Amino acid sequence: LCREIAEEMNVMIQPGDLEFYTHISAAAYG
């Protein structure tokens, strides 16, 4: 997620900045 956010939104975050919220399973759009 940190890697993707840096690529997609030019935001540098660290794993320690993140709090697990939930897990979802869904049809993968596209």
Full PDB file with SEQRES, HELIX, SHEET, SSBOND, CRYST1, ORIGX, SCALE, CONECT and MASTER records, all heavy atoms in Angstrom:
SEQRES   1 A   30  LEU CYS ARG GLU ILE ALA GLU GLU MET ASN VAL MET ILE          
SEQRES   2 A   30  GLN PRO GLY ASP LEU GLU PHE TYR THR HIS ILE SER ALA          
SEQRES   3 A   30  ALA ALA TYR GLY                                              
HELIX    1 AA1 CYS A    2  MET A    9  1                                   8    
HELIX    2 AA2 PRO A   15  ASP A   17  5                                   3    
CRYST1    1.000    1.000    1.000  90.00  90.00  90.00 P 1           1          
ORIGX1      1.000000  0.000000  0.000000        0.00000                         
ORIGX2      0.000000  1.000000  0.000000        0.00000                         
ORIGX3      0.000000  0.000000  1.000000        0.00000                         
SCALE1      1.000000  0.000000  0.000000        0.00000                         
SCALE2      0.000000  1.000000  0.000000        0.00000                         
SCALE3      0.000000  0.000000  1.000000        0.00000                         
ATOM      1  N   LEU A   1       0.824  -1.203   0.000  1.00  0.00           N  
ATOM      2  CA  LEU A   1       0.000   0.000   0.000  1.00  0.00           C  
ATOM      3  C   LEU A   1       0.861   1.257   0.000  1.00  0.00           C  
ATOM      4  O   LEU A   1       0.590   2.195  -0.762  1.00  0.00           O  
ATOM      5  CB  LEU A   1      -0.951  -0.001   1.196  1.00  0.00           C  
ATOM      6  CG  LEU A   1      -1.931   1.159   1.262  1.00  0.00           C  
ATOM      7  CD1 LEU A   1      -2.770   1.265  -0.009  1.00  0.00           C  
ATOM      8  CD2 LEU A   1      -2.830   1.015   2.483  1.00  0.00           C  
ATOM      9  N   CYS A   2       1.907   1.278   0.791  1.00  0.00           N  
ATOM     10  CA  CYS A   2       2.817   2.439   0.802  1.00  0.00           C  
ATOM     11  C   CYS A   2       3.425   2.663  -0.581  1.00  0.00           C  
ATOM     12  O   CYS A   2       3.506   3.807  -1.058  1.00  0.00           O  
ATOM     13  CB  CYS A   2       3.908   2.245   1.848  1.00  0.00           C  
ATOM     14  SG  CYS A   2       3.298   2.276   3.544  1.00  0.00           S  
ATOM     15  N   ARG A   3       3.831   1.591  -1.248  1.00  0.00           N  
ATOM     16  CA  ARG A   3       4.396   1.682  -2.603  1.00  0.00           C  
ATOM     17  C   ARG A   3       3.360   2.236  -3.583  1.00  0.00           C  
ATOM     18  O   ARG A   3       3.628   3.158  -4.362  1.00  0.00           O  
ATOM     19  CB  ARG A   3       4.894   0.300  -3.058  1.00  0.00           C  
ATOM     20  CG  ARG A   3       5.369   0.273  -4.507  1.00  0.00           C  
ATOM     21  CD  ARG A   3       5.765  -1.129  -4.961  1.00  0.00           C  
ATOM     22  NE  ARG A   3       4.780  -2.175  -4.691  1.00  0.00           N  
ATOM     23  CZ  ARG A   3       3.671  -2.384  -5.399  1.00  0.00           C  
ATOM     24  NH1 ARG A   3       3.354  -1.582  -6.413  1.00  0.00           N  
ATOM     25  NH2 ARG A   3       2.846  -3.384  -5.099  1.00  0.00           N  
ATOM     26  N   GLU A   4       2.161   1.676  -3.540  1.00  0.00           N  
ATOM     27  CA  GLU A   4       1.102   2.102  -4.465  1.00  0.00           C  
ATOM     28  C   GLU A   4       0.702   3.566  -4.241  1.00  0.00           C  
ATOM     29  O   GLU A   4       0.487   4.306  -5.197  1.00  0.00           O  
ATOM     30  CB  GLU A   4      -0.130   1.202  -4.317  1.00  0.00           C  
ATOM     31  CG  GLU A   4       0.051  -0.197  -4.870  1.00  0.00           C  
ATOM     32  CD  GLU A   4      -0.042  -0.264  -6.380  1.00  0.00           C  
ATOM     33  OE1 GLU A   4      -0.427   0.726  -7.039  1.00  0.00           O  
ATOM     34  OE2 GLU A   4       0.297  -1.342  -6.924  1.00  0.00           O  
ATOM     35  N   ILE A   5       0.611   3.981  -3.000  1.00  0.00           N  
ATOM     36  CA  ILE A   5       0.210   5.364  -2.692  1.00  0.00           C  
ATOM     37  C   ILE A   5       1.280   6.346  -3.163  1.00  0.00           C  
ATOM     38  O   ILE A   5       0.969   7.419  -3.678  1.00  0.00           O  
ATOM     39  CB  ILE A   5      -0.099   5.510  -1.189  1.00  0.00           C  
ATOM     40  CG1 ILE A   5      -1.314   4.653  -0.817  1.00  0.00           C  
ATOM     41  CG2 ILE A   5      -0.304   6.960  -0.797  1.00  0.00           C  
ATOM     42  CD1 ILE A   5      -2.548   4.853  -1.666  1.00  0.00           C  
ATOM     43  N   ALA A   6       2.551   5.970  -3.033  1.00  0.00           N  
ATOM     44  CA  ALA A   6       3.634   6.813  -3.552  1.00  0.00           C  
ATOM     45  C   ALA A   6       3.505   6.948  -5.070  1.00  0.00           C  
ATOM     46  O   ALA A   6       3.648   8.046  -5.625  1.00  0.00           O  
ATOM     47  CB  ALA A   6       4.990   6.240  -3.166  1.00  0.00           C  
ATOM     48  N   GLU A   7       3.201   5.839  -5.758  1.00  0.00           N  
ATOM     49  CA  GLU A   7       3.081   5.854  -7.222  1.00  0.00           C  
ATOM     50  C   GLU A   7       1.845   6.596  -7.698  1.00  0.00           C  
ATOM     51  O   GLU A   7       1.905   7.360  -8.666  1.00  0.00           O  
ATOM     52  CB  GLU A   7       3.018   4.413  -7.761  1.00  0.00           C  
ATOM     53  CG  GLU A   7       4.291   3.617  -7.588  1.00  0.00           C  
ATOM     54  CD  GLU A   7       4.111   2.134  -7.909  1.00  0.00           C  
ATOM     55  OE1 GLU A   7       3.014   1.729  -8.375  1.00  0.00           O  
ATOM     56  OE2 GLU A   7       5.061   1.370  -7.672  1.00  0.00           O  
ATOM     57  N   GLU A   8       0.707   6.347  -7.050  1.00  0.00           N  
ATOM     58  CA  GLU A   8      -0.577   6.861  -7.537  1.00  0.00           C  
ATOM     59  C   GLU A   8      -0.920   8.270  -7.050  1.00  0.00           C  
ATOM     60  O   GLU A   8      -1.690   8.971  -7.689  1.00  0.00           O  
ATOM     61  CB  GLU A   8      -1.719   5.933  -7.094  1.00  0.00           C  
ATOM     62  CG  GLU A   8      -1.691   4.575  -7.733  1.00  0.00           C  
ATOM     63  CD  GLU A   8      -2.860   3.698  -7.290  1.00  0.00           C  
ATOM     64  OE1 GLU A   8      -3.615   4.088  -6.367  1.00  0.00           O  
ATOM     65  OE2 GLU A   8      -3.012   2.621  -7.875  1.00  0.00           O  
ATOM     66  N   MET A   9      -0.362   8.660  -5.884  1.00  0.00           N  
ATOM     67  CA  MET A   9      -0.790   9.930  -5.286  1.00  0.00           C  
ATOM     68  C   MET A   9       0.360  10.806  -4.809  1.00  0.00           C  
ATOM     69  O   MET A   9       0.128  11.821  -4.156  1.00  0.00           O  
ATOM     70  CB  MET A   9      -1.748   9.667  -4.119  1.00  0.00           C  
ATOM     71  CG  MET A   9      -2.983   8.903  -4.539  1.00  0.00           C  
ATOM     72  SD  MET A   9      -4.339   8.787  -3.332  1.00  0.00           S  
ATOM     73  CE  MET A   9      -3.555   8.627  -1.770  1.00  0.00           C  
ATOM     74  N   ASN A  10       1.593  10.429  -5.114  1.00  0.00           N  
ATOM     75  CA  ASN A  10       2.769  11.201  -4.698  1.00  0.00           C  
ATOM     76  C   ASN A  10       2.776  11.494  -3.203  1.00  0.00           C  
ATOM     77  O   ASN A  10       3.127  12.606  -2.777  1.00  0.00           O  
ATOM     78  CB  ASN A  10       2.875  12.508  -5.490  1.00  0.00           C  
ATOM     79  CG  ASN A  10       3.335  12.265  -6.906  1.00  0.00           C  
ATOM     80  OD1 ASN A  10       4.240  11.486  -7.146  1.00  0.00           O  
ATOM     81  ND2 ASN A  10       2.683  12.931  -7.853  1.00  0.00           N  
ATOM     82  N   VAL A  11       2.365  10.523  -2.403  1.00  0.00           N  
ATOM     83  CA  VAL A  11       2.339  10.668  -0.941  1.00  0.00           C  
ATOM     84  C   VAL A  11       3.222   9.577  -0.353  1.00  0.00           C  
ATOM     85  O   VAL A  11       3.063   8.399  -0.676  1.00  0.00           O  
ATOM     86  CB  VAL A  11       0.904  10.541  -0.388  1.00  0.00           C  
ATOM     87  CG1 VAL A  11       0.904  10.468   1.134  1.00  0.00           C  
ATOM     88  CG2 VAL A  11       0.045  11.699  -0.867  1.00  0.00           C  
ATOM     89  N   MET A  12       4.138   9.974   0.500  1.00  0.00           N  
ATOM     90  CA  MET A  12       5.010   9.013   1.167  1.00  0.00           C  
ATOM     91  C   MET A  12       4.430   8.707   2.541  1.00  0.00           C  
ATOM     92  O   MET A  12       4.311   9.605   3.377  1.00  0.00           O  
ATOM     93  CB  MET A  12       6.429   9.574   1.311  1.00  0.00           C  
ATOM     94  CG  MET A  12       7.085   9.937  -0.021  1.00  0.00           C  
ATOM     95  SD  MET A  12       7.133   8.566  -1.222  1.00  0.00           S  
ATOM     96  CE  MET A  12       8.191   7.423  -0.395  1.00  0.00           C  
ATOM     97  N   ILE A  13       4.024   7.462   2.731  1.00  0.00           N  
ATOM     98  CA  ILE A  13       3.576   7.001   4.036  1.00  0.00           C  
ATOM     99  C   ILE A  13       4.386   5.758   4.394  1.00  0.00           C  
ATOM    100  O   ILE A  13       4.943   5.101   3.514  1.00  0.00           O  
ATOM    101  CB  ILE A  13       2.053   6.711   4.079  1.00  0.00           C  
ATOM    102  CG1 ILE A  13       1.649   5.713   2.995  1.00  0.00           C  
ATOM    103  CG2 ILE A  13       1.251   7.988   3.974  1.00  0.00           C  
ATOM    104  CD1 ILE A  13       0.190   5.307   3.040  1.00  0.00           C  
ATOM    105  N   GLN A  14       4.419   5.458   5.663  1.00  0.00           N  
ATOM    106  CA  GLN A  14       5.146   4.299   6.174  1.00  0.00           C  
ATOM    107  C   GLN A  14       4.143   3.304   6.751  1.00  0.00           C  
ATOM    108  O   GLN A  14       3.051   3.696   7.180  1.00  0.00           O  
ATOM    109  CB  GLN A  14       6.137   4.729   7.266  1.00  0.00           C  
ATOM    110  CG  GLN A  14       7.160   5.749   6.816  1.00  0.00           C  
ATOM    111  CD  GLN A  14       8.025   5.226   5.675  1.00  0.00           C  
ATOM    112  OE1 GLN A  14       8.469   4.084   5.696  1.00  0.00           O  
ATOM    113  NE2 GLN A  14       8.235   6.062   4.670  1.00  0.00           N  
ATOM    114  N   PRO A  15       4.505   2.016   6.782  1.00  0.00           N  
ATOM    115  CA  PRO A  15       3.585   1.031   7.368  1.00  0.00           C  
ATOM    116  C   PRO A  15       3.113   1.413   8.773  1.00  0.00           C  
ATOM    117  O   PRO A  15       1.957   1.161   9.129  1.00  0.00           O  
ATOM    118  CB  PRO A  15       4.411  -0.254   7.377  1.00  0.00           C  
ATOM    119  CG  PRO A  15       5.329  -0.097   6.204  1.00  0.00           C  
ATOM    120  CD  PRO A  15       5.692   1.369   6.202  1.00  0.00           C  
ATOM    121  N   GLY A  16       3.959   2.068   9.556  1.00  0.00           N  
ATOM    122  CA  GLY A  16       3.574   2.492  10.897  1.00  0.00           C  
ATOM    123  C   GLY A  16       2.518   3.587  10.925  1.00  0.00           C  
ATOM    124  O   GLY A  16       1.917   3.848  11.966  1.00  0.00           O  
ATOM    125  N   ASP A  17       2.293   4.245   9.766  1.00  0.00           N  
ATOM    126  CA  ASP A  17       1.262   5.285   9.660  1.00  0.00           C  
ATOM    127  C   ASP A  17      -0.129   4.687   9.458  1.00  0.00           C  
ATOM    128  O   ASP A  17      -1.123   5.408   9.502  1.00  0.00           O  
ATOM    129  CB  ASP A  17       1.534   6.212   8.461  1.00  0.00           C  
ATOM    130  CG  ASP A  17       2.835   6.967   8.559  1.00  0.00           C  
ATOM    131  OD1 ASP A  17       3.281   7.243   9.693  1.00  0.00           O  
ATOM    132  OD2 ASP A  17       3.426   7.280   7.496  1.00  0.00           O  
ATOM    133  N   LEU A  18      -0.179   3.383   9.200  1.00  0.00           N  
ATOM    134  CA  LEU A  18      -1.418   2.721   8.809  1.00  0.00           C  
ATOM    135  C   LEU A  18      -2.026   1.929   9.959  1.00  0.00           C  
ATOM    136  O   LEU A  18      -1.315   1.285  10.721  1.00  0.00           O  
ATOM    137  CB  LEU A  18      -1.157   1.778   7.636  1.00  0.00           C  
ATOM    138  CG  LEU A  18      -0.570   2.415   6.379  1.00  0.00           C  
ATOM    139  CD1 LEU A  18      -0.156   1.353   5.388  1.00  0.00           C  
ATOM    140  CD2 LEU A  18      -1.567   3.381   5.754  1.00  0.00           C  
ATOM    141  N   GLU A  19      -3.348   1.972  10.045  1.00  0.00           N  
ATOM    142  CA  GLU A  19      -4.090   1.157  11.004  1.00  0.00           C  
ATOM    143  C   GLU A  19      -5.023   0.242  10.217  1.00  0.00           C  
ATOM    144  O   GLU A  19      -5.826   0.723   9.395  1.00  0.00           O  
ATOM    145  CB  GLU A  19      -4.900   2.055  11.929  1.00  0.00           C  
ATOM    146  CG  GLU A  19      -5.776   1.296  12.895  1.00  0.00           C  
ATOM    147  CD  GLU A  19      -6.723   2.198  13.684  1.00  0.00           C  
ATOM    148  OE1 GLU A  19      -6.611   3.433  13.601  1.00  0.00           O  
ATOM    149  OE2 GLU A  19      -7.579   1.628  14.372  1.00  0.00           O  
ATOM    150  N   PHE A  20      -4.926  -1.065  10.442  1.00  0.00           N  
ATOM    151  CA  PHE A  20      -5.813  -1.993   9.748  1.00  0.00           C  
ATOM    152  C   PHE A  20      -7.253  -1.660  10.102  1.00  0.00           C  
ATOM    153  O   PHE A  20      -7.590  -1.462  11.263  1.00  0.00           O  
ATOM    154  CB  PHE A  20      -5.490  -3.442  10.141  1.00  0.00           C  
ATOM    155  CG  PHE A  20      -6.384  -4.440   9.450  1.00  0.00           C  
ATOM    156  CD1 PHE A  20      -6.147  -4.797   8.135  1.00  0.00           C  
ATOM    157  CD2 PHE A  20      -7.475  -4.989  10.109  1.00  0.00           C  
ATOM    158  CE1 PHE A  20      -6.982  -5.701   7.483  1.00  0.00           C  
ATOM    159  CE2 PHE A  20      -8.309  -5.895   9.468  1.00  0.00           C  
ATOM    160  CZ  PHE A  20      -8.061  -6.250   8.156  1.00  0.00           C  
ATOM    161  N   TYR A  21      -8.112  -1.609   9.088  1.00  0.00           N  
ATOM    162  CA  TYR A  21      -9.527  -1.295   9.291  1.00  0.00           C  
ATOM    163  C   TYR A  21     -10.405  -2.527   9.066  1.00  0.00           C  
ATOM    164  O   TYR A  21     -11.179  -2.912   9.920  1.00  0.00           O  
ATOM    165  CB  TYR A  21      -9.943  -0.138   8.380  1.00  0.00           C  
ATOM    166  CG  TYR A  21     -11.414   0.173   8.411  1.00  0.00           C  
ATOM    167  CD1 TYR A  21     -12.014   0.650   9.575  1.00  0.00           C  
ATOM    168  CD2 TYR A  21     -12.211  -0.015   7.294  1.00  0.00           C  
ATOM    169  CE1 TYR A  21     -13.378   0.930   9.615  1.00  0.00           C  
ATOM    170  CE2 TYR A  21     -13.571   0.275   7.320  1.00  0.00           C  
ATOM    171  CZ  TYR A  21     -14.144   0.739   8.470  1.00  0.00           C  
ATOM    172  OH  TYR A  21     -15.495   1.015   8.509  1.00  0.00           O  
ATOM    173  N   THR A  22     -10.282  -3.138   7.890  1.00  0.00           N  
ATOM    174  CA  THR A  22     -11.113  -4.301   7.571  1.00  0.00           C  
ATOM    175  C   THR A  22     -10.546  -5.019   6.351  1.00  0.00           C  
ATOM    176  O   THR A  22      -9.646  -4.508   5.678  1.00  0.00           O  
ATOM    177  CB  THR A  22     -12.581  -3.884   7.323  1.00  0.00           C  
ATOM    178  OG1 THR A  22     -13.415  -5.045   7.341  1.00  0.00           O  
ATOM    179  CG2 THR A  22     -12.758  -3.155   5.991  1.00  0.00           C  
ATOM    180  N   HIS A  23     -11.102  -6.171   6.080  1.00  0.00           N  
ATOM    181  CA  HIS A  23     -10.772  -6.937   4.877  1.00  0.00           C  
ATOM    182  C   HIS A  23     -12.067  -7.107   4.094  1.00  0.00           C  
ATOM    183  O   HIS A  23     -13.112  -7.409   4.673  1.00  0.00           O  
ATOM    184  CB  HIS A  23     -10.203  -8.313   5.251  1.00  0.00           C  
ATOM    185  CG  HIS A  23      -9.909  -9.150   4.059  1.00  0.00           C  
ATOM    186  ND1 HIS A  23      -8.695  -9.097   3.408  1.00  0.00           N  
ATOM    187  CD2 HIS A  23     -10.667 -10.028   3.371  1.00  0.00           C  
ATOM    188  CE1 HIS A  23      -8.729  -9.931   2.383  1.00  0.00           C  
ATOM    189  NE2 HIS A  23      -9.913 -10.504   2.331  1.00  0.00           N  
ATOM    190  N   ILE A  24     -11.991  -6.886   2.781  1.00  0.00           N  
ATOM    191  CA  ILE A  24     -13.168  -7.108   1.943  1.00  0.00           C  
ATOM    192  C   ILE A  24     -12.829  -8.078   0.821  1.00  0.00           C  
ATOM    193  O   ILE A  24     -11.676  -8.157   0.372  1.00  0.00           O  
ATOM    194  CB  ILE A  24     -13.741  -5.795   1.350  1.00  0.00           C  
ATOM    195  CG1 ILE A  24     -12.706  -5.061   0.490  1.00  0.00           C  
ATOM    196  CG2 ILE A  24     -14.264  -4.889   2.464  1.00  0.00           C  
ATOM    197  CD1 ILE A  24     -13.286  -3.873  -0.272  1.00  0.00           C  
ATOM    198  N   SER A  25     -13.834  -8.802   0.383  1.00  0.00           N  
ATOM    199  CA  SER A  25     -13.753  -9.688  -0.781  1.00  0.00           C  
ATOM    200  C   SER A  25     -14.847  -9.245  -1.732  1.00  0.00           C  
ATOM    201  O   SER A  25     -16.006  -9.141  -1.333  1.00  0.00           O  
ATOM    202  CB  SER A  25     -14.006 -11.144  -0.385  1.00  0.00           C  
ATOM    203  OG  SER A  25     -13.032 -11.594   0.506  1.00  0.00           O  
ATOM    204  N   ALA A  26     -14.469  -8.995  -2.972  1.00  0.00           N  
ATOM    205  CA  ALA A  26     -15.450  -8.525  -3.946  1.00  0.00           C  
ATOM    206  C   ALA A  26     -14.991  -8.898  -5.346  1.00  0.00           C  
ATOM    207  O   ALA A  26     -13.808  -9.156  -5.573  1.00  0.00           O  
ATOM    208  CB  ALA A  26     -15.610  -7.005  -3.842  1.00  0.00           C  
ATOM    209  N   ALA A  27     -15.929  -8.894  -6.276  1.00  0.00           N  
ATOM    210  CA  ALA A  27     -15.571  -9.059  -7.680  1.00  0.00           C  
ATOM    211  C   ALA A  27     -14.589  -7.957  -8.046  1.00  0.00           C  
ATOM    212  O   ALA A  27     -14.778  -6.805  -7.670  1.00  0.00           O  
ATOM    213  CB  ALA A  27     -16.820  -8.978  -8.560  1.00  0.00           C  
ATOM    214  N   ALA A  28     -13.522  -8.324  -8.736  1.00  0.00           N  
ATOM    215  CA  ALA A  28     -12.471  -7.368  -9.096  1.00  0.00           C  
ATOM    216  C   ALA A  28     -12.897  -6.589 -10.337  1.00  0.00           C  
ATOM    217  O   ALA A  28     -12.915  -7.136 -11.444  1.00  0.00           O  
ATOM    218  CB  ALA A  28     -11.150  -8.087  -9.316  1.00  0.00           C  
ATOM    219  N   TYR A  29     -13.233  -5.317 -10.138  1.00  0.00           N  
ATOM    220  CA  TYR A  29     -13.702  -4.469 -11.232  1.00  0.00           C  
ATOM    221  C   TYR A  29     -12.610  -4.304 -12.287  1.00  0.00           C  
ATOM    222  O   TYR A  29     -11.460  -4.037 -11.970  1.00  0.00           O  
ATOM    223  CB  TYR A  29     -14.109  -3.087 -10.701  1.00  0.00           C  
ATOM    224  CG  TYR A  29     -14.666  -2.207 -11.779  1.00  0.00           C  
ATOM    225  CD1 TYR A  29     -16.009  -2.236 -12.084  1.00  0.00           C  
ATOM    226  CD2 TYR A  29     -13.842  -1.386 -12.532  1.00  0.00           C  
ATOM    227  CE1 TYR A  29     -16.535  -1.458 -13.096  1.00  0.00           C  
ATOM    228  CE2 TYR A  29     -14.351  -0.598 -13.546  1.00  0.00           C  
ATOM    229  CZ  TYR A  29     -15.696  -0.641 -13.825  1.00  0.00           C  
ATOM    230  OH  TYR A  29     -16.207   0.125 -14.840  1.00  0.00           O  
ATOM    231  N   GLY A  30     -12.978  -4.489 -13.556  1.00  0.00           N  
ATOM    232  CA  GLY A  30     -12.053  -4.256 -14.653  1.00  0.00           C  
ATOM    233  C   GLY A  30     -11.044  -5.365 -14.866  1.00  0.00           C  
ATOM    234  O   GLY A  30     -10.121  -5.210 -15.665  1.00  0.00           O  
TER     235      GLY A  30                                                      
MASTER        0    0    0    2    0    0    0    6  234    1    0    3          
END                                                                             
